Protein backbone atom coordinates (compact mmCIF):
# COMPACT_ATOMS: atom_id res chain seq x y z
CA UNK A 1 3.99 6.57 12.58
CA UNK A 2 5.47 6.21 9.08
CA UNK A 3 2.16 7.07 7.42
CA UNK A 4 1.64 10.19 9.54
CA UNK A 5 5.28 11.25 8.87
CA UNK A 6 4.92 10.95 5.13
CA UNK A 7 1.46 12.68 5.20
CA UNK A 8 3.08 15.55 7.14
CA UNK A 9 5.66 15.98 4.42
CA UNK A 10 2.99 15.75 1.75
CA UNK A 11 4.57 12.72 0.17
CA UNK A 12 2.19 10.43 -1.66
CA UNK A 13 2.42 6.76 -0.83
CA UNK A 14 0.66 3.47 -1.41
CA UNK A 15 -0.23 1.49 1.70
CA UNK A 16 -0.31 -2.30 1.45
CA UNK A 17 -1.74 -4.28 4.30
CA UNK A 18 0.38 -7.40 4.37
CA UNK A 19 -2.09 -9.10 6.75
CA UNK A 20 -4.57 -9.02 3.94
CA UNK A 21 -2.30 -9.24 0.91
CA UNK A 22 -0.42 -12.46 1.37
CA UNK A 23 1.40 -12.15 -2.01
CA UNK A 24 2.78 -8.80 -0.93
CA UNK A 25 3.87 -10.24 2.42
CA UNK A 26 5.75 -13.08 0.65
CA UNK A 27 7.37 -10.52 -1.70
CA UNK A 28 8.63 -8.46 1.23
CA UNK A 29 10.08 -11.49 2.96
CA UNK A 30 11.74 -12.62 -0.30
CA UNK A 31 13.22 -9.13 -0.86
CA UNK A 32 14.35 -8.32 2.70
CA UNK A 33 14.55 -11.64 4.46
CA UNK A 34 12.38 -10.24 7.22
CA UNK A 35 8.58 -10.08 7.94
CA UNK A 36 8.58 -6.80 10.04
CA UNK A 37 6.67 -3.70 9.16
CA UNK A 38 6.75 -1.00 8.05
CA UNK A 39 8.73 -1.59 4.90
CA UNK A 40 9.19 1.64 3.05
CA UNK A 41 10.37 1.67 -0.56
CA UNK A 42 11.57 5.03 -1.86
CA UNK A 43 13.23 4.80 -5.25
CA UNK A 44 15.72 1.93 -5.04
CA UNK A 45 15.93 2.14 -1.23
CA UNK A 46 14.08 -0.39 0.95
CA UNK A 47 13.86 0.84 4.57
CA UNK A 48 12.87 -1.54 7.32
CA UNK A 49 11.14 0.03 10.25
CA UNK A 50 10.51 3.74 10.87
CA UNK A 51 14.10 4.98 10.36
CA UNK A 52 13.51 8.73 10.03
CA UNK A 53 17.08 9.62 9.00
CA UNK A 54 17.09 7.02 6.21
CA UNK A 55 13.59 8.02 5.08
CA UNK A 56 14.62 11.69 4.95
CA UNK A 57 17.76 10.88 2.97
CA UNK A 58 15.86 8.73 0.46
CA UNK A 59 13.17 11.38 0.07
CA UNK A 60 15.86 14.05 -0.68
CA UNK A 61 17.81 11.77 -2.99
CA UNK A 62 14.62 11.06 -4.92
CA UNK A 63 13.56 14.73 -4.97
CA UNK A 64 10.37 14.04 -3.14
CA UNK A 65 10.85 16.83 -0.58
């Protein structure tokens, strides 16, 4: 859902498959204390899960939309 949402807003993103990239998975757990996905980083914001209001706010604050 998050990927389709960002695509729909024409926001470029980098997808990292934490099932394949174990270093990335460990980094996410170290940063957030959780292993859930998606984890969306926009500027200095780290958003856990598909939280549309927080995503929209972070996109606006970072002038991505």
